[in-house]
Amino acid sequence: MNHAESISAITLVTADMAASVAFYGVLGSEVVFGGVEASFTTLKLNDGQFLNLQFDPTWVRPERIWGRFILWVDNVDSVYDAFLAAGFAPLMAPSDAVWGERYFHILDPAGHEVSIARQISS
């Protein structure tokens, strides 16, 4: 029986590549292909984990949330502060969840919901 081992990359659509690259740059991502003027950009989040951004000038922010993806970080509160300092507006302040994570939600410039999280030490 075959089993998936991990997610290598997620691809998101954006109508503003430069804004999206800047947003994910707050997380320390590294551009490994493309860039702010490219039609397709690959950002390295961590060893073996990538986020792709695909340019579509007709993309319209969704009227409602389609779902979200979760990015674990070293320090949720410092990432929250970094987004604020960069001019982004998280949807909520960092909170401790009953399922054992500290997290907050934020929309990227294209309207994709991202949860920034870390498991709470027990």
PDB file of N, CA and C in Angstrom:
ATOM      1  N   MET A   1       0.839  -1.177   0.000  1.00  0.00           N
ATOM      2  CA  MET A   1       0.000   0.000   0.000  1.00  0.00           C
ATOM      3  C   MET A   1       0.888   1.246   0.000  1.00  0.00           C
ATOM      4  N   ASN A   2       0.546   2.230  -0.785  1.00  0.00           N
ATOM      5  CA  ASN A   2       1.305   3.473  -0.872  1.00  0.00           C
ATOM      6  C   ASN A   2       0.737   4.513   0.079  1.00  0.00           C
ATOM      7  N   HIS A   3       1.624   5.290   0.686  1.00  0.00           N
ATOM      8  CA  HIS A   3       1.217   6.346   1.602  1.00  0.00           C
ATOM      9  C   HIS A   3       1.969   7.621   1.265  1.00  0.00           C
ATOM     10  N   ALA A   4       1.265   8.740   1.328  1.00  0.00           N
ATOM     11  CA  ALA A   4       1.941  10.026   1.141  1.00  0.00           C
ATOM     12  C   ALA A   4       2.869  10.251   2.328  1.00  0.00           C
ATOM     13  N   GLU A   5       4.061  10.758   2.079  1.00  0.00           N
ATOM     14  CA  GLU A   5       5.040  11.004   3.134  1.00  0.00           C
ATOM     15  C   GLU A   5       4.918  12.402   3.712  1.00  0.00           C
ATOM     16  N   SER A   6       4.693  13.389   2.862  1.00  0.00           N
ATOM     17  CA  SER A   6       4.596  14.773   3.328  1.00  0.00           C
ATOM     18  C   SER A   6       4.078  15.642   2.194  1.00  0.00           C
ATOM     19  N   ILE A   7       3.744  16.874   2.515  1.00  0.00           N
ATOM     20  CA  ILE A   7       3.416  17.849   1.489  1.00  0.00           C
ATOM     21  C   ILE A   7       4.709  18.571   1.147  1.00  0.00           C
ATOM     22  N   SER A   8       5.075  18.525  -0.108  1.00  0.00           N
ATOM     23  CA  SER A   8       6.299  19.190  -0.560  1.00  0.00           C
ATOM     24  C   SER A   8       6.055  20.668  -0.812  1.00  0.00           C
ATOM     25  N   ALA A   9       4.888  20.976  -1.420  1.00  0.00           N
ATOM     26  CA  ALA A   9       4.596  22.366  -1.761  1.00  0.00           C
ATOM     27  C   ALA A   9       3.096  22.580  -1.838  1.00  0.00           C
ATOM     28  N   ILE A  10       2.698  23.813  -1.629  1.00  0.00           N
ATOM     29  CA  ILE A  10       1.341  24.282  -1.849  1.00  0.00           C
ATOM     30  C   ILE A  10       1.469  25.384  -2.891  1.00  0.00           C
ATOM     31  N   THR A  11       0.527  25.452  -3.826  1.00  0.00           N
ATOM     32  CA  THR A  11       0.531  26.514  -4.825  1.00  0.00           C
ATOM     33  C   THR A  11      -0.708  27.375  -4.633  1.00  0.00           C
ATOM     34  N   LEU A  12      -0.480  28.690  -4.511  1.00  0.00           N
ATOM     35  CA  LEU A  12      -1.555  29.655  -4.339  1.00  0.00           C
ATOM     36  C   LEU A  12      -1.556  30.634  -5.501  1.00  0.00           C
ATOM     37  N   VAL A  13      -2.730  31.095  -5.874  1.00  0.00           N
ATOM     38  CA  VAL A  13      -2.871  32.080  -6.941  1.00  0.00           C
ATOM     39  C   VAL A  13      -2.855  33.476  -6.326  1.00  0.00           C
ATOM     40  N   THR A  14      -2.258  34.418  -7.049  1.00  0.00           N
ATOM     41  CA  THR A  14      -2.220  35.813  -6.612  1.00  0.00           C
ATOM     42  C   THR A  14      -2.314  36.741  -7.817  1.00  0.00           C
ATOM     43  N   ALA A  15      -2.955  37.881  -7.627  1.00  0.00           N
ATOM     44  CA  ALA A  15      -2.991  38.907  -8.662  1.00  0.00           C
ATOM     45  C   ALA A  15      -1.902  39.948  -8.435  1.00  0.00           C
ATOM     46  N   ASP A  16      -1.171  39.828  -7.318  1.00  0.00           N
ATOM     47  CA  ASP A  16      -0.106  40.780  -6.986  1.00  0.00           C
ATOM     48  C   ASP A  16       1.096  40.000  -6.448  1.00  0.00           C
ATOM     49  N   MET A  17       1.954  39.593  -7.361  1.00  0.00           N
ATOM     50  CA  MET A  17       3.100  38.763  -6.993  1.00  0.00           C
ATOM     51  C   MET A  17       3.995  39.471  -5.984  1.00  0.00           C
ATOM     52  N   ALA A  18       4.281  40.747  -6.198  1.00  0.00           N
ATOM     53  CA  ALA A  18       5.183  41.477  -5.304  1.00  0.00           C
ATOM     54  C   ALA A  18       4.631  41.519  -3.886  1.00  0.00           C
ATOM     55  N   ALA A  19       3.343  41.777  -3.730  1.00  0.00           N
ATOM     56  CA  ALA A  19       2.736  41.827  -2.390  1.00  0.00           C
ATOM     57  C   ALA A  19       2.777  40.458  -1.724  1.00  0.00           C
ATOM     58  N   SER A  20       2.518  39.411  -2.490  1.00  0.00           N
ATOM     59  CA  SER A  20       2.537  38.065  -1.918  1.00  0.00           C
ATOM     60  C   SER A  20       3.947  37.639  -1.519  1.00  0.00           C
ATOM     61  N   VAL A  21       4.933  37.948  -2.356  1.00  0.00           N
ATOM     62  CA  VAL A  21       6.325  37.619  -2.015  1.00  0.00           C
ATOM     63  C   VAL A  21       6.735  38.379  -0.752  1.00  0.00           C
ATOM     64  N   ALA A  22       6.341  39.640  -0.634  1.00  0.00           N
ATOM     65  CA  ALA A  22       6.667  40.424   0.565  1.00  0.00           C
ATOM     66  C   ALA A  22       5.993  39.845   1.801  1.00  0.00           C
ATOM     67  N   PHE A  23       4.744  39.426   1.679  1.00  0.00           N
ATOM     68  CA  PHE A  23       4.012  38.834   2.802  1.00  0.00           C
ATOM     69  C   PHE A  23       4.737  37.595   3.325  1.00  0.00           C
ATOM     70  N   TYR A  24       5.049  36.661   2.448  1.00  0.00           N
ATOM     71  CA  TYR A  24       5.712  35.429   2.884  1.00  0.00           C
ATOM     72  C   TYR A  24       7.170  35.666   3.260  1.00  0.00           C
ATOM     73  N   GLY A  25       7.734  36.768   2.804  1.00  0.00           N
ATOM     74  CA  GLY A  25       9.077  37.149   3.230  1.00  0.00           C
ATOM     75  C   GLY A  25       9.141  37.464   4.713  1.00  0.00           C
ATOM     76  N   VAL A  26       8.029  37.914   5.301  1.00  0.00           N
ATOM     77  CA  VAL A  26       7.981  38.157   6.751  1.00  0.00           C
ATOM     78  C   VAL A  26       8.309  36.875   7.518  1.00  0.00           C
ATOM     79  N   LEU A  27       8.004  35.741   6.918  1.00  0.00           N
ATOM     80  CA  LEU A  27       8.274  34.439   7.541  1.00  0.00           C
ATOM     81  C   LEU A  27       9.684  33.939   7.263  1.00  0.00           C
ATOM     82  N   GLY A  28      10.485  34.738   6.588  1.00  0.00           N
ATOM     83  CA  GLY A  28      11.855  34.343   6.297  1.00  0.00           C
ATOM     84  C   GLY A  28      11.992  33.422   5.105  1.00  0.00           C
ATOM     85  N   SER A  29      10.950  33.354   4.263  1.00  0.00           N
ATOM     86  CA  SER A  29      11.046  32.484   3.094  1.00  0.00           C
ATOM     87  C   SER A  29      12.089  33.021   2.116  1.00  0.00           C
ATOM     88  N   GLU A  30      12.644  32.115   1.347  1.00  0.00           N
ATOM     89  CA  GLU A  30      13.690  32.447   0.374  1.00  0.00           C
ATOM     90  C   GLU A  30      13.164  32.177  -1.030  1.00  0.00           C
ATOM     91  N   VAL A  31      13.295  33.148  -1.926  1.00  0.00           N
ATOM     92  CA  VAL A  31      12.899  32.944  -3.317  1.00  0.00           C
ATOM     93  C   VAL A  31      13.934  32.036  -3.966  1.00  0.00           C
ATOM     94  N   VAL A  32      13.485  30.873  -4.448  1.00  0.00           N
ATOM     95  CA  VAL A  32      14.402  29.950  -5.129  1.00  0.00           C
ATOM     96  C   VAL A  32      14.122  29.877  -6.622  1.00  0.00           C
ATOM     97  N   PHE A  33      12.988  30.424  -7.041  1.00  0.00           N
ATOM     98  CA  PHE A  33      12.657  30.495  -8.462  1.00  0.00           C
ATOM     99  C   PHE A  33      11.682  31.655  -8.640  1.00  0.00           C
ATOM    100  N   GLY A  34      11.834  32.402  -9.721  1.00  0.00           N
ATOM    101  CA  GLY A  34      10.921  33.496 -10.011  1.00  0.00           C
ATOM    102  C   GLY A  34      11.274  34.742  -9.229  1.00  0.00           C
ATOM    103  N   GLY A  35      10.260  35.412  -8.707  1.00  0.00           N
ATOM    104  CA  GLY A  35      10.454  36.640  -7.949  1.00  0.00           C
ATOM    105  C   GLY A  35       9.272  37.570  -8.130  1.00  0.00           C
ATOM    106  N   VAL A  36       9.445  38.803  -7.705  1.00  0.00           N
ATOM    107  CA  VAL A  36       8.332  39.743  -7.641  1.00  0.00           C
ATOM    108  C   VAL A  36       7.710  40.072  -9.002  1.00  0.00           C
ATOM    109  N   GLU A  37       8.453  39.905 -10.087  1.00  0.00           N
ATOM    110  CA  GLU A  37       7.913  40.197 -11.416  1.00  0.00           C
ATOM    111  C   GLU A  37       7.645  38.937 -12.236  1.00  0.00           C
ATOM    112  N   ALA A  38       7.770  37.780 -11.623  1.00  0.00           N
ATOM    113  CA  ALA A  38       7.595  36.513 -12.336  1.00  0.00           C
ATOM    114  C   ALA A  38       6.124  36.087 -12.362  1.00  0.00           C
ATOM    115  N   SER A  39       5.801  35.192 -13.282  1.00  0.00           N
ATOM    116  CA  SER A  39       4.447  34.642 -13.336  1.00  0.00           C
ATOM    117  C   SER A  39       4.310  33.424 -12.425  1.00  0.00           C
ATOM    118  N   PHE A  40       5.445  32.877 -11.994  1.00  0.00           N
ATOM    119  CA  PHE A  40       5.449  31.738 -11.071  1.00  0.00           C
ATOM    120  C   PHE A  40       6.675  31.874 -10.177  1.00  0.00           C
ATOM    121  N   THR A  41       6.455  31.780  -8.891  1.00  0.00           N
ATOM    122  CA  THR A  41       7.541  31.929  -7.921  1.00  0.00           C
ATOM    123  C   THR A  41       7.502  30.773  -6.942  1.00  0.00           C
ATOM    124  N   THR A  42       8.665  30.241  -6.611  1.00  0.00           N
ATOM    125  CA  THR A  42       8.778  29.219  -5.577  1.00  0.00           C
ATOM    126  C   THR A  42       9.538  29.810  -4.402  1.00  0.00           C
ATOM    127  N   LEU A  43       8.936  29.696  -3.227  1.00  0.00           N
ATOM    128  CA  LEU A  43       9.552  30.152  -1.986  1.00  0.00           C
ATOM    129  C   LEU A  43       9.916  28.943  -1.152  1.00  0.00           C
ATOM    130  N   LYS A  44      11.123  28.937  -0.622  1.00  0.00           N
ATOM    131  CA  LYS A  44      11.552  27.865   0.272  1.00  0.00           C
ATOM    132  C   LYS A  44      11.196  28.298   1.692  1.00  0.00           C
ATOM    133  N   LEU A  45      10.351  27.504   2.343  1.00  0.00           N
ATOM    134  CA  LEU A  45       9.956  27.787   3.715  1.00  0.00           C
ATOM    135  C   LEU A  45      10.898  27.119   4.704  1.00  0.00           C
ATOM    136  N   ASN A  46      11.310  25.920   4.379  1.00  0.00           N
ATOM    137  CA  ASN A  46      12.166  25.112   5.243  1.00  0.00           C
ATOM    138  C   ASN A  46      12.761  24.024   4.361  1.00  0.00           C
ATOM    139  N   ASP A  47      13.632  23.219   4.905  1.00  0.00           N
ATOM    140  CA  ASP A  47      14.207  22.129   4.119  1.00  0.00           C
ATOM    141  C   ASP A  47      13.099  21.213   3.612  1.00  0.00           C
ATOM    142  N   GLY A  48      12.952  21.138   2.299  1.00  0.00           N
ATOM    143  CA  GLY A  48      11.977  20.242   1.696  1.00  0.00           C
ATOM    144  C   GLY A  48      10.551  20.757   1.706  1.00  0.00           C
ATOM    145  N   GLN A  49      10.314  22.000   2.130  1.00  0.00           N
ATOM    146  CA  GLN A  49       8.963  22.555   2.163  1.00  0.00           C
ATOM    147  C   GLN A  49       8.940  23.853   1.368  1.00  0.00           C
ATOM    148  N   PHE A  50       8.018  23.909   0.412  1.00  0.00           N
ATOM    149  CA  PHE A  50       7.980  25.036  -0.507  1.00  0.00           C
ATOM    150  C   PHE A  50       6.569  25.579  -0.642  1.00  0.00           C
ATOM    151  N   LEU A  51       6.487  26.850  -0.976  1.00  0.00           N
ATOM    152  CA  LEU A  51       5.228  27.506  -1.292  1.00  0.00           C
ATOM    153  C   LEU A  51       5.385  28.122  -2.667  1.00  0.00           C
ATOM    154  N   ASN A  52       4.493  27.757  -3.581  1.00  0.00           N
ATOM    155  CA  ASN A  52       4.512  28.314  -4.928  1.00  0.00           C
ATOM    156  C   ASN A  52       3.443  29.395  -5.033  1.00  0.00           C
ATOM    157  N   LEU A  53       3.763  30.440  -5.749  1.00  0.00           N
ATOM    158  CA  LEU A  53       2.820  31.510  -6.040  1.00  0.00           C
ATOM    159  C   LEU A  53       2.660  31.597  -7.553  1.00  0.00           C
ATOM    160  N   GLN A  54       1.425  31.532  -8.009  1.00  0.00           N
ATOM    161  CA  GLN A  54       1.136  31.577  -9.443  1.00  0.00           C
ATOM    162  C   GLN A  54       0.378  32.863  -9.742  1.00  0.00           C
ATOM    163  N   PHE A  55       0.924  33.665 -10.633  1.00  0.00           N
ATOM    164  CA  PHE A  55       0.321  34.942 -10.984  1.00  0.00           C
ATOM    165  C   PHE A  55      -0.869  34.744 -11.910  1.00  0.00           C
ATOM    166  N   ASP A  56      -1.979  35.398 -11.561  1.00  0.00           N
ATOM    167  CA  ASP A  56      -3.162  35.434 -12.419  1.00  0.00           C
ATOM    168  C   ASP A  56      -3.776  36.818 -12.243  1.00  0.00           C
ATOM    169  N   PRO A  57      -3.633  37.680 -13.247  1.00  0.00           N
ATOM    170  CA  PRO A  57      -4.126  39.046 -13.101  1.00  0.00           C
ATOM    171  C   PRO A  57      -5.643  39.137 -12.922  1.00  0.00           C
ATOM    172  N   THR A  58      -6.366  38.055 -13.214  1.00  0.00           N
ATOM    173  CA  THR A  58      -7.818  38.063 -13.051  1.00  0.00           C
ATOM    174  C   THR A  58      -8.260  37.539 -11.687  1.00  0.00           C
ATOM    175  N   TRP A  59      -7.287  37.113 -10.862  1.00  0.00           N
ATOM    176  CA  TRP A  59      -7.630  36.567  -9.540  1.00  0.00           C
ATOM    177  C   TRP A  59      -8.336  37.626  -8.705  1.00  0.00           C
ATOM    178  N   VAL A  60      -9.428  37.233  -8.091  1.00  0.00           N
ATOM    179  CA  VAL A  60     -10.187  38.103  -7.208  1.00  0.00           C
ATOM    180  C   VAL A  60     -10.218  37.446  -5.838  1.00  0.00           C
ATOM    181  N   ARG A  61      -9.926  38.246  -4.802  1.00  0.00           N
ATOM    182  CA  ARG A  61      -9.965  37.709  -3.443  1.00  0.00           C
ATOM    183  C   ARG A  61     -11.297  37.022  -3.209  1.00  0.00           C
ATOM    184  N   PRO A  62     -11.277  35.832  -2.622  1.00  0.00           N
ATOM    185  CA  PRO A  62     -12.540  35.135  -2.371  1.00  0.00           C
ATOM    186  C   PRO A  62     -13.423  35.927  -1.411  1.00  0.00           C
ATOM    187  N   GLU A  63     -14.727  35.847  -1.636  1.00  0.00           N
ATOM    188  CA  GLU A  63     -15.671  36.538  -0.757  1.00  0.00           C
ATOM    189  C   GLU A  63     -15.779  35.851   0.596  1.00  0.00           C
ATOM    190  N   ARG A  64     -15.461  34.587   0.624  1.00  0.00           N
ATOM    191  CA  ARG A  64     -15.476  33.842   1.881  1.00  0.00           C
ATOM    192  C   ARG A  64     -14.258  32.945   1.937  1.00  0.00           C
ATOM    193  N   ILE A  65     -13.922  32.530   3.120  1.00  0.00           N
ATOM    194  CA  ILE A  65     -12.731  31.699   3.318  1.00  0.00           C
ATOM    195  C   ILE A  65     -12.963  30.316   2.711  1.00  0.00           C
ATOM    196  N   TRP A  66     -12.032  29.857   1.918  1.00  0.00           N
ATOM    197  CA  TRP A  66     -12.109  28.539   1.276  1.00  0.00           C
ATOM    198  C   TRP A  66     -11.574  27.446   2.191  1.00  0.00           C
ATOM    199  N   GLY A  67     -10.864  27.835   3.225  1.00  0.00           N
ATOM    200  CA  GLY A  67     -10.161  26.938   4.134  1.00  0.00           C
ATOM    201  C   GLY A  67      -8.915  27.676   4.582  1.00  0.00           C
ATOM    202  N   ARG A  68      -7.972  26.977   5.124  1.00  0.00           N
ATOM    203  CA  ARG A  68      -6.715  27.622   5.511  1.00  0.00           C
ATOM    204  C   ARG A  68      -5.610  26.585   5.506  1.00  0.00           C
ATOM    205  N   PHE A  69      -4.389  27.068   5.491  1.00  0.00           N
ATOM    206  CA  PHE A  69      -3.275  26.163   5.724  1.00  0.00           C
ATOM    207  C   PHE A  69      -2.500  26.703   6.912  1.00  0.00           C
ATOM    208  N   ILE A  70      -1.767  25.818   7.552  1.00  0.00           N
ATOM    209  CA  ILE A  70      -1.099  26.124   8.815  1.00  0.00           C
ATOM    210  C   ILE A  70       0.403  26.066   8.615  1.00  0.00           C
ATOM    211  N   LEU A  71       1.073  27.128   9.043  1.00  0.00           N
ATOM    212  CA  LEU A  71       2.532  27.175   9.025  1.00  0.00           C
ATOM    213  C   LEU A  71       3.028  27.215  10.458  1.00  0.00           C
ATOM    214  N   TRP A  72       3.828  26.241  10.841  1.00  0.00           N
ATOM    215  CA  TRP A  72       4.423  26.251  12.173  1.00  0.00           C
ATOM    216  C   TRP A  72       5.667  27.123  12.140  1.00  0.00           C
ATOM    217  N   VAL A  73       5.827  27.905  13.184  1.00  0.00           N
ATOM    218  CA  VAL A  73       6.961  28.819  13.308  1.00  0.00           C
ATOM    219  C   VAL A  73       7.627  28.606  14.661  1.00  0.00           C
ATOM    220  N   ASP A  74       8.824  29.172  14.820  1.00  0.00           N
ATOM    221  CA  ASP A  74       9.536  29.041  16.091  1.00  0.00           C
ATOM    222  C   ASP A  74       8.865  29.804  17.219  1.00  0.00           C
ATOM    223  N   ASN A  75       8.372  31.015  16.918  1.00  0.00           N
ATOM    224  CA  ASN A  75       7.800  31.868  17.949  1.00  0.00           C
ATOM    225  C   ASN A  75       6.607  32.623  17.374  1.00  0.00           C
ATOM    226  N   VAL A  76       5.421  32.192  17.737  1.00  0.00           N
ATOM    227  CA  VAL A  76       4.182  32.759  17.205  1.00  0.00           C
ATOM    228  C   VAL A  76       4.082  34.257  17.493  1.00  0.00           C
ATOM    229  N   ASP A  77       4.403  34.649  18.710  1.00  0.00           N
ATOM    230  CA  ASP A  77       4.251  36.053  19.097  1.00  0.00           C
ATOM    231  C   ASP A  77       5.210  36.968  18.336  1.00  0.00           C
ATOM    232  N   SER A  78       6.437  36.521  18.101  1.00  0.00           N
ATOM    233  CA  SER A  78       7.377  37.363  17.365  1.00  0.00           C
ATOM    234  C   SER A  78       6.982  37.459  15.889  1.00  0.00           C
ATOM    235  N   VAL A  79       6.414  36.405  15.321  1.00  0.00           N
ATOM    236  CA  VAL A  79       5.944  36.461  13.940  1.00  0.00           C
ATOM    237  C   VAL A  79       4.734  37.397  13.848  1.00  0.00           C
ATOM    238  N   TYR A  80       3.848  37.340  14.819  1.00  0.00           N
ATOM    239  CA  TYR A  80       2.708  38.263  14.878  1.00  0.00           C
ATOM    240  C   TYR A  80       3.213  39.709  14.877  1.00  0.00           C
ATOM    241  N   ASP A  81       4.184  39.991  15.737  1.00  0.00           N
ATOM    242  CA  ASP A  81       4.761  41.340  15.812  1.00  0.00           C
ATOM    243  C   ASP A  81       5.422  41.743  14.494  1.00  0.00           C
ATOM    244  N   ALA A  82       6.082  40.785  13.825  1.00  0.00           N
ATOM    245  CA  ALA A  82       6.736  41.075  12.542  1.00  0.00           C
ATOM    246  C   ALA A  82       5.704  41.421  11.467  1.00  0.00           C
ATOM    247  N   PHE A  83       4.572  40.717  11.447  1.00  0.00           N
ATOM    248  CA  PHE A  83       3.525  41.050  10.486  1.00  0.00           C
ATOM    249  C   PHE A  83       2.965  42.439  10.765  1.00  0.00           C
ATOM    250  N   LEU A  84       2.738  42.760  12.030  1.00  0.00           N
ATOM    251  CA  LEU A  84       2.254  44.102  12.375  1.00  0.00           C
ATOM    252  C   LEU A  84       3.253  45.172  11.925  1.00  0.00           C
ATOM    253  N   ALA A  85       4.529  44.943  12.205  1.00  0.00           N
ATOM    254  CA  ALA A  85       5.573  45.906  11.841  1.00  0.00           C
ATOM    255  C   ALA A  85       5.670  46.086  10.325  1.00  0.00           C
ATOM    256  N   ALA A  86       5.342  45.031   9.562  1.00  0.00           N
ATOM    257  CA  ALA A  86       5.400  45.096   8.102  1.00  0.00           C
ATOM    258  C   ALA A  86       4.119  45.682   7.504  1.00  0.00           C
ATOM    259  N   GLY A  87       3.168  46.043   8.358  1.00  0.00           N
ATOM    260  CA  GLY A  87       1.940  46.678   7.882  1.00  0.00           C
ATOM    261  C   GLY A  87       0.797  45.734   7.579  1.00  0.00           C
ATOM    262  N   PHE A  88       0.923  44.479   7.947  1.00  0.00           N
ATOM    263  CA  PHE A  88      -0.156  43.512   7.728  1.00  0.00           C
ATOM    264  C   PHE A  88      -1.055  43.458   8.960  1.00  0.00           C
ATOM    265  N   ALA A  89      -2.322  43.103   8.770  1.00  0.00           N
ATOM    266  CA  ALA A  89      -3.299  43.091   9.863  1.00  0.00           C
ATOM    267  C   ALA A  89      -3.803  41.670  10.119  1.00  0.00           C
ATOM    268  N   PRO A  90      -3.236  40.990  11.112  1.00  0.00           N
ATOM    269  CA  PRO A  90      -3.757  39.668  11.469  1.00  0.00           C
ATOM    270  C   PRO A  90      -5.236  39.742  11.837  1.00  0.00           C
ATOM    271  N   LEU A  91      -5.941  38.639  11.667  1.00  0.00           N
ATOM    272  CA  LEU A  91      -7.367  38.580  11.972  1.00  0.00           C
ATOM    273  C   LEU A  91      -7.635  38.474  13.467  1.00  0.00           C
ATOM    274  N   MET A  92      -6.614  38.096  14.219  1.00  0.00           N
ATOM    275  CA  MET A  92      -6.752  37.909  15.659  1.00  0.00           C
ATOM    276  C   MET A  92      -5.375  37.964  16.295  1.00  0.00           C
ATOM    277  N   ALA A  93      -5.346  38.204  17.593  1.00  0.00           N
ATOM    278  CA  ALA A  93      -4.087  38.163  18.342  1.00  0.00           C
ATOM    279  C   ALA A  93      -3.739  36.702  18.633  1.00  0.00           C
ATOM    280  N   PRO A  94      -2.471  36.407  18.911  1.00  0.00           N
ATOM    281  CA  PRO A  94      -2.106  35.036  19.265  1.00  0.00           C
ATOM    282  C   PRO A  94      -2.906  34.535  20.472  1.00  0.00           C
ATOM    283  N   SER A  95      -3.326  33.285  20.371  1.00  0.00           N
ATOM    284  CA  SER A  95      -4.123  32.650  21.422  1.00  0.00           C
ATOM    285  C   SER A  95      -3.660  31.221  21.624  1.00  0.00           C
ATOM    286  N   ASP A  96      -3.930  30.701  22.803  1.00  0.00           N
ATOM    287  CA  ASP A  96      -3.660  29.292  23.095  1.00  0.00           C
ATOM    288  C   ASP A  96      -4.933  28.498  22.855  1.00  0.00           C
ATOM    289  N   ALA A  97      -4.838  27.474  22.015  1.00  0.00           N
ATOM    290  CA  ALA A  97      -5.994  26.659  21.655  1.00  0.00           C
ATOM    291  C   ALA A  97      -6.094  25.431  22.548  1.00  0.00           C
ATOM    292  N   VAL A  98      -7.307  24.931  22.698  1.00  0.00           N
ATOM    293  CA  VAL A  98      -7.533  23.742  23.527  1.00  0.00           C
ATOM    294  C   VAL A  98      -6.843  22.515  22.948  1.00  0.00           C
ATOM    295  N   TRP A  99      -6.545  22.539  21.636  1.00  0.00           N
ATOM    296  CA  TRP A  99      -5.892  21.377  21.016  1.00  0.00           C
ATOM    297  C   TRP A  99      -4.370  21.436  21.129  1.00  0.00           C
ATOM    298  N   GLY A 100      -3.848  22.422  21.872  1.00  0.00           N
ATOM    299  CA  GLY A 100      -2.425  22.411  22.200  1.00  0.00           C
ATOM    300  C   GLY A 100      -1.527  23.232  21.297  1.00  0.00           C
ATOM    301  N   GLU A 101      -2.073  24.213  20.601  1.00  0.00           N
ATOM    302  CA  GLU A 101      -1.254  25.093  19.774  1.00  0.00           C
ATOM    303  C   GLU A 101      -1.459  26.548  20.198  1.00  0.00           C
ATOM    304  N   ARG A 102      -0.421  27.339  20.036  1.00  0.00           N
ATOM    305  CA  ARG A 102      -0.538  28.796  20.099  1.00  0.00           C
ATOM    306  C   ARG A 102      -0.597  29.226  18.649  1.00  0.00           C
ATOM    307  N   TYR A 103      -1.537  30.112  18.306  1.00  0.00           N
ATOM    308  CA  TYR A 103      -1.764  30.421  16.896  1.00  0.00           C
ATOM    309  C   TYR A 103      -2.426  31.775  16.715  1.00  0.00           C
ATOM    310  N   PHE A 104      -2.387  32.262  15.475  1.00  0.00           N
ATOM    311  CA  PHE A 104      -3.228  33.359  15.020  1.00  0.00           C
ATOM    312  C   PHE A 104      -3.497  33.164  13.540  1.00  0.00           C
ATOM    313  N   HIS A 105      -4.552  33.796  13.049  1.00  0.00           N
ATOM    314  CA  HIS A 105      -4.905  33.726  11.635  1.00  0.00           C
ATOM    315  C   HIS A 105      -4.624  35.067  10.976  1.00  0.00           C
ATOM    316  N   ILE A 106      -4.252  35.004   9.695  1.00  0.00           N
ATOM    317  CA  ILE A 106      -4.000  36.196   8.901  1.00  0.00           C
ATOM    318  C   ILE A 106      -4.334  35.867   7.450  1.00  0.00           C
ATOM    319  N   LEU A 107      -4.833  36.863   6.716  1.00  0.00           N
ATOM    320  CA  LEU A 107      -5.064  36.695   5.285  1.00  0.00           C
ATOM    321  C   LEU A 107      -3.854  37.218   4.529  1.00  0.00           C
ATOM    322  N   ASP A 108      -3.388  36.449   3.538  1.00  0.00           N
ATOM    323  CA  ASP A 108      -2.304  36.962   2.704  1.00  0.00           C
ATOM    324  C   ASP A 108      -2.901  37.968   1.711  1.00  0.00           C
ATOM    325  N   PRO A 109      -2.082  38.670   0.946  1.00  0.00           N
ATOM    326  CA  PRO A 109      -2.609  39.698   0.041  1.00  0.00           C
ATOM    327  C   PRO A 109      -3.616  39.185  -0.989  1.00  0.00           C
ATOM    328  N   ALA A 110      -3.585  37.896  -1.310  1.00  0.00           N
ATOM    329  CA  ALA A 110      -4.520  37.332  -2.278  1.00  0.00           C
ATOM    330  C   ALA A 110      -5.796  36.820  -1.620  1.00  0.00           C
ATOM    331  N   GLY A 111      -5.886  36.919  -0.285  1.00  0.00           N
ATOM    332  CA  GLY A 111      -7.082  36.487   0.421  1.00  0.00           C
ATOM    333  C   GLY A 111      -7.052  35.062   0.935  1.00  0.00           C
ATOM    334  N   HIS A 112      -5.886  34.407   0.873  1.00  0.00           N
ATOM    335  CA  HIS A 112      -5.757  33.049   1.398  1.00  0.00           C
ATOM    336  C   HIS A 112      -5.538  33.124   2.905  1.00  0.00           C
ATOM    337  N   GLU A 113      -6.308  32.352   3.662  1.00  0.00           N
ATOM    338  CA  GLU A 113      -6.151  32.376   5.118  1.00  0.00           C
ATOM    339  C   GLU A 113      -5.010  31.465   5.547  1.00  0.00           C
ATOM    340  N   VAL A 114      -4.132  32.019   6.375  1.00  0.00           N
ATOM    341  CA  VAL A 114      -2.975  31.295   6.885  1.00  0.00           C
ATOM    342  C   VAL A 114      -3.064  31.291   8.408  1.00  0.00           C
ATOM    343  N   SER A 115      -2.847  30.140   8.992  1.00  0.00           N
ATOM    344  CA  SER A 115      -2.757  30.039  10.447  1.00  0.00           C
ATOM    345  C   SER A 115      -1.280  29.902  10.793  1.00  0.00           C
ATOM    346  N   ILE A 116      -0.803  30.793  11.629  1.00  0.00           N
ATOM    347  CA  ILE A 116       0.580  30.759  12.090  1.00  0.00           C
ATOM    348  C   ILE A 116       0.541  30.118  13.471  1.00  0.00           C
ATOM    349  N   ALA A 117       1.260  29.024  13.658  1.00  0.00           N
ATOM    350  CA  ALA A 117       1.061  28.240  14.878  1.00  0.00           C
ATOM    351  C   ALA A 117       2.357  27.579  15.369  1.00  0.00           C
ATOM    352  N   ARG A 118       2.261  27.109  16.578  1.00  0.00           N
ATOM    353  CA  ARG A 118       3.333  26.314  17.198  1.00  0.00           C
ATOM    354  C   ARG A 118       2.701  25.474  18.298  1.00  0.00           C
ATOM    355  N   GLN A 119       3.146  24.239  18.418  1.00  0.00           N
ATOM    356  CA  GLN A 119       2.651  23.398  19.492  1.00  0.00           C
ATOM    357  C   GLN A 119       3.097  23.971  20.814  1.00  0.00           C
ATOM    358  N   ILE A 120       2.197  24.004  21.775  1.00  0.00           N
ATOM    359  CA  ILE A 120       2.511  24.498  23.112  1.00  0.00           C
ATOM    360  C   ILE A 120       3.255  23.404  23.870  1.00  0.00           C
ATOM    361  N   SER A 121       4.357  23.773  24.491  1.00  0.00           N
ATOM    362  CA  SER A 121       5.115  22.807  25.281  1.00  0.00           C
ATOM    363  C   SER A 121       4.293  22.380  26.477  1.00  0.00           C
ATOM    364  N   SER A 122       4.328  21.109  26.769  1.00  0.00           N
ATOM    365  CA  SER A 122       3.557  20.617  27.917  1.00  0.00           C
ATOM    366  C   SER A 122       4.419  20.397  29.121  1.00  0.00           C
TER     367      SER A 122
END
